[in-house]
Amino acid sequence: MPIFEYRCEACGHSFEAILFGEQTPECPKCHTGKLEKQLSTFAVSKGGHSAAPAAGCGQANCCMMNGGCEVN
């Protein structure tokens, strides 16, 4: 399941979003659709250890459950 990263052009808030089908993202803070898609990075795991998330606050499911990381 792809996670997309965006930066709001109106308020500057950076966040992640999971979009399904024809959904369009909006800023979770100011609710505008004027967004700049960011270059996404990814985390890898070596030797059986879990890797930290590449973006977000690092708390389990925070970005998926809240529509965007409130820490960033």
Protein backbone atom coordinates (compact mmCIF):
# COMPACT_ATOMS: atom_id res chain seq x y z
CA MET A 1 0.00 0.00 0.00
CA PRO A 2 1.69 3.26 -1.08
CA ILE A 3 2.06 6.17 1.30
CA PHE A 4 2.43 9.55 -0.36
CA GLU A 5 4.18 12.54 1.20
CA TYR A 6 2.97 16.10 0.70
CA ARG A 7 3.77 19.66 1.78
CA CYS A 8 0.94 22.18 1.96
CA GLU A 9 1.63 25.28 -0.13
CA ALA A 10 -0.77 27.35 2.01
CA CYS A 11 0.42 26.61 5.58
CA GLY A 12 3.67 24.66 5.05
CA HIS A 13 2.51 21.55 6.94
CA SER A 14 4.20 18.31 5.83
CA PHE A 15 2.21 15.09 6.08
CA GLU A 16 1.71 11.59 4.71
CA ALA A 17 -1.45 10.21 3.11
CA ILE A 18 -2.69 6.83 1.94
CA LEU A 19 -4.97 7.34 -1.05
CA PHE A 20 -7.37 4.81 -2.52
CA GLY A 21 -8.71 4.97 -6.06
CA GLU A 22 -9.63 8.48 -7.16
CA GLN A 23 -9.19 10.12 -3.75
CA THR A 24 -7.48 13.51 -3.72
CA PRO A 25 -5.42 14.60 -0.72
CA GLU A 26 -6.00 17.70 1.39
CA CYS A 27 -3.99 19.27 4.18
CA PRO A 28 -5.15 17.92 7.57
CA LYS A 29 -4.47 21.33 9.21
CA CYS A 30 -5.96 23.92 6.83
CA HIS A 31 -7.92 21.57 4.49
CA THR A 32 -6.62 23.07 1.25
CA GLY A 33 -5.87 20.97 -1.80
CA LYS A 34 -2.90 23.13 -2.85
CA LEU A 35 -0.18 20.56 -2.15
CA GLU A 36 3.31 19.85 -3.36
CA LYS A 37 4.12 16.15 -3.67
CA GLN A 38 7.41 15.35 -1.94
CA LEU A 39 10.07 12.85 -2.91
CA SER A 40 9.38 9.79 -0.75
CA THR A 41 12.07 7.75 0.92
CA PHE A 42 11.74 4.29 2.36
CA ALA A 43 13.16 2.29 5.27
CA VAL A 44 14.86 -1.08 4.98
CA SER A 45 15.54 -3.77 7.51
CA LYS A 46 18.89 -5.55 7.88
CA GLY A 47 19.64 -8.59 9.98
CA GLY A 48 16.15 -9.04 11.37
CA HIS A 49 15.99 -5.67 13.12
CA SER A 50 13.12 -3.31 12.46
CA ALA A 51 14.04 -0.09 10.73
CA ALA A 52 12.63 3.24 11.86
CA PRO A 53 10.13 4.94 9.58
CA ALA A 54 11.65 7.23 6.96
CA ALA A 55 9.23 10.02 7.85
CA GLY A 56 6.65 10.82 10.49
CA CYS A 57 6.98 10.75 14.25
CA GLY A 58 7.83 7.04 14.55
CA GLN A 59 4.78 6.11 16.60
CA ALA A 60 2.97 3.03 15.36
CA ASN A 61 0.10 3.86 12.99
CA CYS A 62 -0.03 7.57 13.91
CA CYS A 63 0.12 8.82 10.35
CA MET A 64 -2.37 6.25 9.08
CA MET A 65 -4.89 6.77 11.87
CA ASN A 66 -4.78 10.58 12.09
CA GLY A 67 -4.49 11.51 8.42
CA GLY A 68 -1.05 12.99 8.90
CA CYS A 69 1.70 13.10 11.45
CA GLU A 70 1.02 15.80 14.02
CA VAL A 71 4.71 15.92 15.04
CA ASN A 72 5.95 17.25 11.68
